[in-house]
Structures are given as structure tokens and as C-alpha cells.
């Protein structure tokens, strides 16, 4: 299971943030809470592939990519990734269709390329990295709090949905 090397304290921390995210009504806050829960998961599992040690200075995208890439096939391999992407296609399309190509174009193109090549685990990782970039724009003030652009809210609603489904796949309830 993807949770085997997390301490109970860390599992409890993830679950507390998931509960906060699920209970929250404002999608701006909900998104941040979901990302914190996910951050506890990947932050505690990340080991620098070059040194074999924890590396607190590694960038978030490197941590996310490394942790998700190293999930074993029975935990989350190509077949499970394909099923995840197909089952959540409607929400994923809403995220991608409402994203600015100016900021997300390369990641969107990589996601679409992986789908065409049937590299579903890579596509899933690219999707999570797209959501990480949305999180960055929110956290660093590049989006408005009031969500005055309807596309912003559409992206947030569906990013929250995908993060929730991701946490379930990773073994959280």
C-alpha cells in the first residue's frame, strides 16, 4: 500500500487536512487544504534519487514526480492510472479547457502527448503537476480571491475533485 511507510501521526495529519478540505465551502480554501494533505503525503515519502536521503531543498515538482513515479505497479501502475484518467475525464477536461495556455501550455501539451502515447502514469503525474502549478498561482497571489473569472472557479472545483480522488487512490478515505 502507498501508506506503508507513513507514520500514524503523518496519516492522521493527512486525514485531518482532508477532512478540513471536504468540510470547507470556499473552493479557494478547499484547494489549499487538499494540497496541504497531499504535501504531507509526498513530503514524508520523498527521497532524493541521487543521494538516497531526504532532501528538504528539492523543489515541489521534483518531489511530486519522484514520489508518484515510484509507486509500485500494484499500488498505482499504468492500468490504474488509465482507469483513473478515464473515470475522471470530464473533470480533467474542465481543468484543461479553462487553463491559460500562456501559463500552462507546456504541461497541457505533455499531458496530451502522454495520453496519445498511452503513458497513463506519466499523464497522471503531469496532471498533478498542472494542479501544483494552479496551487502555486493561488498561493502566491496570481489568482483573485473572489474568483471573479468563472474559469478560475471551474478549475478550482475540478482540481479539488481530482486531488480528493488522488488521495483516495493513495489509500486515504
Protein backbone atom coordinates (compact mmCIF):
# COMPACT_ATOMS: atom_id res chain seq x y z
CA UNK A 1 0.00 0.00 0.00
CA UNK A 2 1.20 3.55 -0.66
CA UNK A 3 0.74 4.33 3.04
CA UNK A 4 3.06 1.68 4.45
CA UNK A 5 5.98 3.97 5.21
CA UNK A 6 3.95 6.84 6.67
CA UNK A 7 3.85 7.15 10.43
CA UNK A 8 0.44 7.09 12.09
CA UNK A 9 0.99 10.72 13.09
CA UNK A 10 1.50 11.64 9.42
CA UNK A 11 -1.56 9.63 8.34
CA UNK A 12 -3.60 11.44 10.99
CA UNK A 13 -2.25 14.78 9.76
CA UNK A 14 -3.23 13.95 6.17
CA UNK A 15 -6.69 12.82 7.27
CA UNK A 16 -7.22 15.99 9.31
CA UNK A 17 -6.42 18.17 6.27
CA UNK A 18 -8.63 16.02 4.05
CA UNK A 19 -11.50 16.46 6.48
CA UNK A 20 -10.90 20.23 6.52
CA UNK A 21 -10.89 20.28 2.69
CA UNK A 22 -14.05 18.20 2.41
CA UNK A 23 -15.87 20.32 5.00
CA UNK A 24 -14.78 23.66 3.52
CA UNK A 25 -17.28 25.53 1.35
CA UNK A 26 -14.95 28.05 -0.32
CA UNK A 27 -13.01 26.44 -3.15
CA UNK A 28 -10.03 28.74 -2.71
CA UNK A 29 -9.53 27.38 0.83
CA UNK A 30 -10.57 23.86 -0.15
CA UNK A 31 -7.82 23.75 -2.81
CA UNK A 32 -5.15 24.85 -0.34
CA UNK A 33 -6.33 22.30 2.26
CA UNK A 34 -6.28 19.46 -0.29
CA UNK A 35 -2.79 20.44 -1.35
CA UNK A 36 -1.57 20.51 2.26
CA UNK A 37 -2.90 16.97 2.73
CA UNK A 38 -1.14 15.86 -0.45
CA UNK A 39 2.00 17.73 0.59
CA UNK A 40 2.20 15.78 3.85
CA UNK A 41 1.97 12.56 1.81
CA UNK A 42 4.66 13.30 -0.77
CA UNK A 43 6.83 15.36 1.56
CA UNK A 44 7.19 12.50 4.01
CA UNK A 45 7.87 9.93 1.28
CA UNK A 46 10.35 11.86 -0.87
CA UNK A 47 13.89 10.54 -1.02
CA UNK A 48 16.40 12.20 -3.34
CA UNK A 49 17.09 9.58 -6.03
CA UNK A 50 20.73 10.67 -6.34
CA UNK A 51 21.65 10.62 -2.65
CA UNK A 52 19.11 8.15 -1.26
CA UNK A 53 18.36 10.64 1.54
CA UNK A 54 15.61 13.07 2.41
CA UNK A 55 16.17 16.43 0.73
CA UNK A 56 14.17 19.32 2.14
CA UNK A 57 15.61 21.67 -0.51
CA UNK A 58 14.23 19.77 -3.50
CA UNK A 59 11.57 21.63 -5.45
CA UNK A 60 7.92 20.64 -5.14
CA UNK A 61 7.58 19.39 -8.75
CA UNK A 62 10.64 17.13 -8.30
CA UNK A 63 9.21 15.69 -5.09
CA UNK A 64 5.76 15.10 -6.57
CA UNK A 65 7.15 13.49 -9.72
CA UNK A 66 9.58 11.29 -7.84
CA UNK A 67 7.10 10.03 -5.25
CA UNK A 68 4.34 9.31 -7.77
CA UNK A 69 6.77 7.74 -10.26
CA UNK A 70 8.00 5.31 -7.63
CA UNK A 71 4.59 3.95 -6.67
CA UNK A 72 4.69 0.23 -7.36
CA UNK A 73 2.61 -1.18 -10.19
CA UNK A 74 0.13 -2.84 -7.82
CA UNK A 75 -0.26 0.49 -5.96
CA UNK A 76 -0.72 2.70 -9.00
CA UNK A 77 0.60 1.41 -12.29
CA UNK A 78 -0.38 2.05 -15.90
CA UNK A 79 -3.72 0.23 -15.68
CA UNK A 80 -4.84 2.03 -12.52
CA UNK A 81 -3.64 5.35 -13.94
CA UNK A 82 -5.56 4.71 -17.17
CA UNK A 83 -8.71 3.87 -15.22
CA UNK A 84 -8.29 6.97 -13.03
CA UNK A 85 -7.89 9.25 -16.06
CA UNK A 86 -10.81 7.70 -17.95
CA UNK A 87 -13.14 7.75 -14.92
CA UNK A 88 -12.33 11.41 -14.25
CA UNK A 89 -12.06 12.62 -17.86
CA UNK A 90 -14.95 15.07 -17.52
CA UNK A 91 -13.30 16.87 -14.59
CA UNK A 92 -9.84 16.74 -16.18
CA UNK A 93 -11.20 18.26 -19.40
CA UNK A 94 -12.80 21.07 -17.39
CA UNK A 95 -9.43 21.81 -15.77
CA UNK A 96 -7.52 21.79 -19.04
CA UNK A 97 -10.14 23.67 -21.06
CA UNK A 98 -10.22 26.53 -18.53
CA UNK A 99 -6.46 26.89 -18.12
CA UNK A 100 -4.47 29.67 -19.68
CA UNK A 101 -2.12 28.34 -22.35
CA UNK A 102 0.18 31.22 -21.51
CA UNK A 103 0.91 29.73 -18.08
CA UNK A 104 0.15 26.04 -18.55
CA UNK A 105 0.70 25.33 -22.25
CA UNK A 106 3.78 23.09 -21.95
CA UNK A 107 2.28 20.97 -19.18
CA UNK A 108 -1.01 20.62 -21.07
CA UNK A 109 0.86 19.56 -24.22
CA UNK A 110 2.88 16.99 -22.24
CA UNK A 111 -0.29 15.64 -20.62
CA UNK A 112 -1.96 15.28 -24.04
CA UNK A 113 1.16 13.69 -25.53
CA UNK A 114 1.27 11.07 -22.76
CA UNK A 115 -2.42 10.29 -23.32
CA UNK A 116 -1.83 9.81 -27.06
CA UNK A 117 1.17 7.57 -26.31
CA UNK A 118 -0.88 5.63 -23.72
CA UNK A 119 1.63 6.51 -20.99
CA UNK A 120 -1.10 6.91 -18.43
CA UNK A 121 1.00 7.05 -15.29
CA UNK A 122 3.10 9.84 -16.84
CA UNK A 123 -0.11 11.62 -17.89
CA UNK A 124 -1.43 11.32 -14.33
CA UNK A 125 1.80 12.78 -12.92
CA UNK A 126 1.63 15.65 -15.44
CA UNK A 127 -1.98 16.30 -14.38
CA UNK A 128 -0.91 16.54 -10.73
CA UNK A 129 1.92 18.88 -11.76
CA UNK A 130 -0.67 21.04 -13.57
CA UNK A 131 -2.66 21.17 -10.35
CA UNK A 132 0.53 22.02 -8.45
CA UNK A 133 1.01 24.98 -10.75
CA UNK A 134 -2.59 26.12 -10.07
CA UNK A 135 -1.82 25.82 -6.36
CA UNK A 136 1.31 27.94 -6.85
CA UNK A 137 -0.63 30.67 -8.62
CA UNK A 138 -3.22 30.70 -5.84
CA UNK A 139 -0.72 30.60 -3.01
CA UNK A 140 1.49 33.30 -4.50
CA UNK A 141 -1.38 35.64 -5.33
CA UNK A 142 -1.72 35.23 -9.09
CA UNK A 143 -5.42 34.43 -8.83
CA UNK A 144 -8.10 36.62 -7.33
CA UNK A 145 -9.65 35.58 -4.06
CA UNK A 146 -13.19 36.33 -5.17
CA UNK A 147 -12.79 34.09 -8.21
CA UNK A 148 -14.27 36.80 -10.41
CA UNK A 149 -13.48 34.86 -13.57
CA UNK A 150 -15.78 31.85 -13.96
CA UNK A 151 -12.94 29.79 -15.43
CA UNK A 152 -10.97 30.19 -12.20
CA UNK A 153 -13.75 28.62 -10.17
CA UNK A 154 -14.24 25.84 -12.73
CA UNK A 155 -10.54 24.98 -12.49
CA UNK A 156 -10.58 25.06 -8.68
CA UNK A 157 -13.71 22.94 -8.33
CA UNK A 158 -12.27 20.26 -10.59
CA UNK A 159 -8.73 20.44 -9.17
CA UNK A 160 -10.26 19.77 -5.74
CA UNK A 161 -12.22 16.86 -7.17
CA UNK A 162 -9.07 15.33 -8.72
CA UNK A 163 -7.00 15.86 -5.56
CA UNK A 164 -9.70 14.17 -3.49
CA UNK A 165 -9.79 11.19 -5.87
CA UNK A 166 -5.98 11.08 -5.85
CA UNK A 167 -5.87 10.88 -2.07
CA UNK A 168 -8.37 8.00 -2.18
CA UNK A 169 -6.20 6.17 -4.74
CA UNK A 170 -3.22 6.72 -2.43
CA UNK A 171 -5.07 4.93 0.35
CA UNK A 172 -6.82 7.65 2.30
CA UNK A 173 -10.56 7.58 2.97
